[in-house]
Amino acid sequence: MAVSLRVPEEMKKRIAKLARQQDLTPHGFMLDAIREKVEVEELRLAFHAEAERRLARMKKTGVGIPAEEVFEYLQKRAAGRKVTRPKPRKLR
């Protein structure tokens, strides 16, 4: 599929400079940038879809971990402390 983009002059200059620094053509640089953006968006959408599935399962079963316990666990992990992962349980 052929695509034509109108790229502002200032952006063309920036692309050319970055492409040279990476030993790429501007075309190759733009293809890499588009590929990277597509991959990131696919991952983001998959992440959100998984979150929606898990939320639906939690609502259906009533089993989960209270948010405050999750946040406390993550804060301790981020601080480098050893901590036991909270266990899911019936919330209703």
Protein backbone atom coordinates (compact mmCIF):
# COMPACT_ATOMS: atom_id res chain seq x y z
CA MET A 1 0.00 0.00 0.00
CA ALA A 2 1.49 3.31 -1.02
CA VAL A 3 1.00 6.18 1.39
CA SER A 4 1.77 9.84 0.94
CA LEU A 5 2.38 12.07 3.95
CA ARG A 6 2.73 15.81 4.04
CA VAL A 7 5.46 16.39 6.55
CA PRO A 8 6.18 19.96 7.66
CA GLU A 9 9.68 21.21 6.72
CA GLU A 10 10.81 21.54 10.33
CA MET A 11 9.79 17.93 11.02
CA LYS A 12 11.61 16.77 7.85
CA LYS A 13 14.80 18.41 9.14
CA ARG A 14 14.44 16.76 12.52
CA ILE A 15 13.77 13.37 10.91
CA ALA A 16 16.76 13.72 8.59
CA LYS A 17 19.07 14.62 11.47
CA LEU A 18 17.92 11.70 13.62
CA ALA A 19 18.06 9.30 10.66
CA ARG A 20 21.67 10.31 9.90
CA GLN A 21 22.64 9.76 13.54
CA GLN A 22 21.24 6.22 13.34
CA ASP A 23 22.70 5.50 9.89
CA LEU A 24 19.20 5.25 8.38
CA THR A 25 17.45 6.91 5.51
CA PRO A 26 14.64 9.28 6.49
CA HIS A 27 12.24 6.76 4.94
CA GLY A 28 13.65 3.94 7.07
CA PHE A 29 13.49 6.13 10.16
CA MET A 30 9.82 6.95 9.54
CA LEU A 31 8.98 3.28 8.93
CA ASP A 32 10.66 2.37 12.24
CA ALA A 33 8.75 5.13 14.02
CA ILE A 34 5.43 3.99 12.57
CA ARG A 35 6.19 0.34 13.39
CA GLU A 36 7.09 1.28 16.96
CA LYS A 37 3.91 3.33 17.41
CA VAL A 38 1.74 0.52 16.01
CA GLU A 39 3.35 -2.01 18.37
CA VAL A 40 2.89 0.26 21.39
CA GLU A 41 -0.76 0.88 20.53
CA GLU A 42 -1.41 -2.84 20.02
CA LEU A 43 0.11 -3.57 23.43
CA ARG A 44 -1.91 -0.77 25.04
CA LEU A 45 -5.14 -2.08 23.55
CA ALA A 46 -4.34 -5.66 24.61
CA PHE A 47 -3.58 -4.42 28.14
CA HIS A 48 -6.91 -2.62 28.35
CA ALA A 49 -8.79 -5.61 26.93
CA GLU A 50 -7.20 -7.88 29.55
CA ALA A 51 -8.10 -5.40 32.30
CA GLU A 52 -11.71 -5.35 31.09
CA ARG A 53 -11.83 -9.18 31.09
CA ARG A 54 -10.41 -9.35 34.60
CA LEU A 55 -12.80 -6.70 35.89
CA ALA A 56 -15.75 -8.58 34.40
CA ARG A 57 -14.53 -11.79 36.04
CA MET A 58 -14.12 -10.02 39.38
CA LYS A 59 -17.64 -8.57 39.15
CA LYS A 60 -19.06 -11.97 38.24
CA THR A 61 -17.26 -13.97 40.95
CA GLY A 62 -16.89 -11.30 43.62
CA VAL A 63 -13.27 -12.42 44.11
CA GLY A 64 -10.53 -9.83 44.11
CA ILE A 65 -7.98 -7.86 46.10
CA PRO A 66 -8.94 -4.50 47.63
CA ALA A 67 -7.17 -1.63 45.86
CA GLU A 68 -5.59 -0.33 49.08
CA GLU A 69 -3.87 -3.71 49.57
CA VAL A 70 -2.62 -3.69 45.99
CA PHE A 71 -1.23 -0.16 46.36
CA GLU A 72 0.44 -1.00 49.68
CA TYR A 73 1.99 -4.11 48.13
CA LEU A 74 3.29 -2.16 45.12
CA GLN A 75 4.71 0.63 47.28
CA LYS A 76 6.63 -1.86 49.39
CA ARG A 77 7.93 -3.66 46.29
CA ALA A 78 8.98 -0.35 44.72
CA ALA A 79 10.87 0.48 47.94
CA GLY A 80 12.79 -2.79 47.58
CA ARG A 81 11.16 -4.51 50.53
CA LYS A 82 10.28 -8.19 50.50
CA VAL A 83 6.57 -8.54 50.75
CA THR A 84 4.04 -11.31 50.31
CA ARG A 85 1.65 -10.90 47.39
CA PRO A 86 -1.91 -10.22 48.61
CA LYS A 87 -4.33 -13.11 48.16
CA PRO A 88 -7.60 -12.74 46.26
CA ARG A 89 -10.71 -13.31 48.35
CA LYS A 90 -14.46 -12.92 48.20
CA LEU A 91 -15.19 -9.19 48.47
CA ARG A 92 -18.99 -9.27 48.65
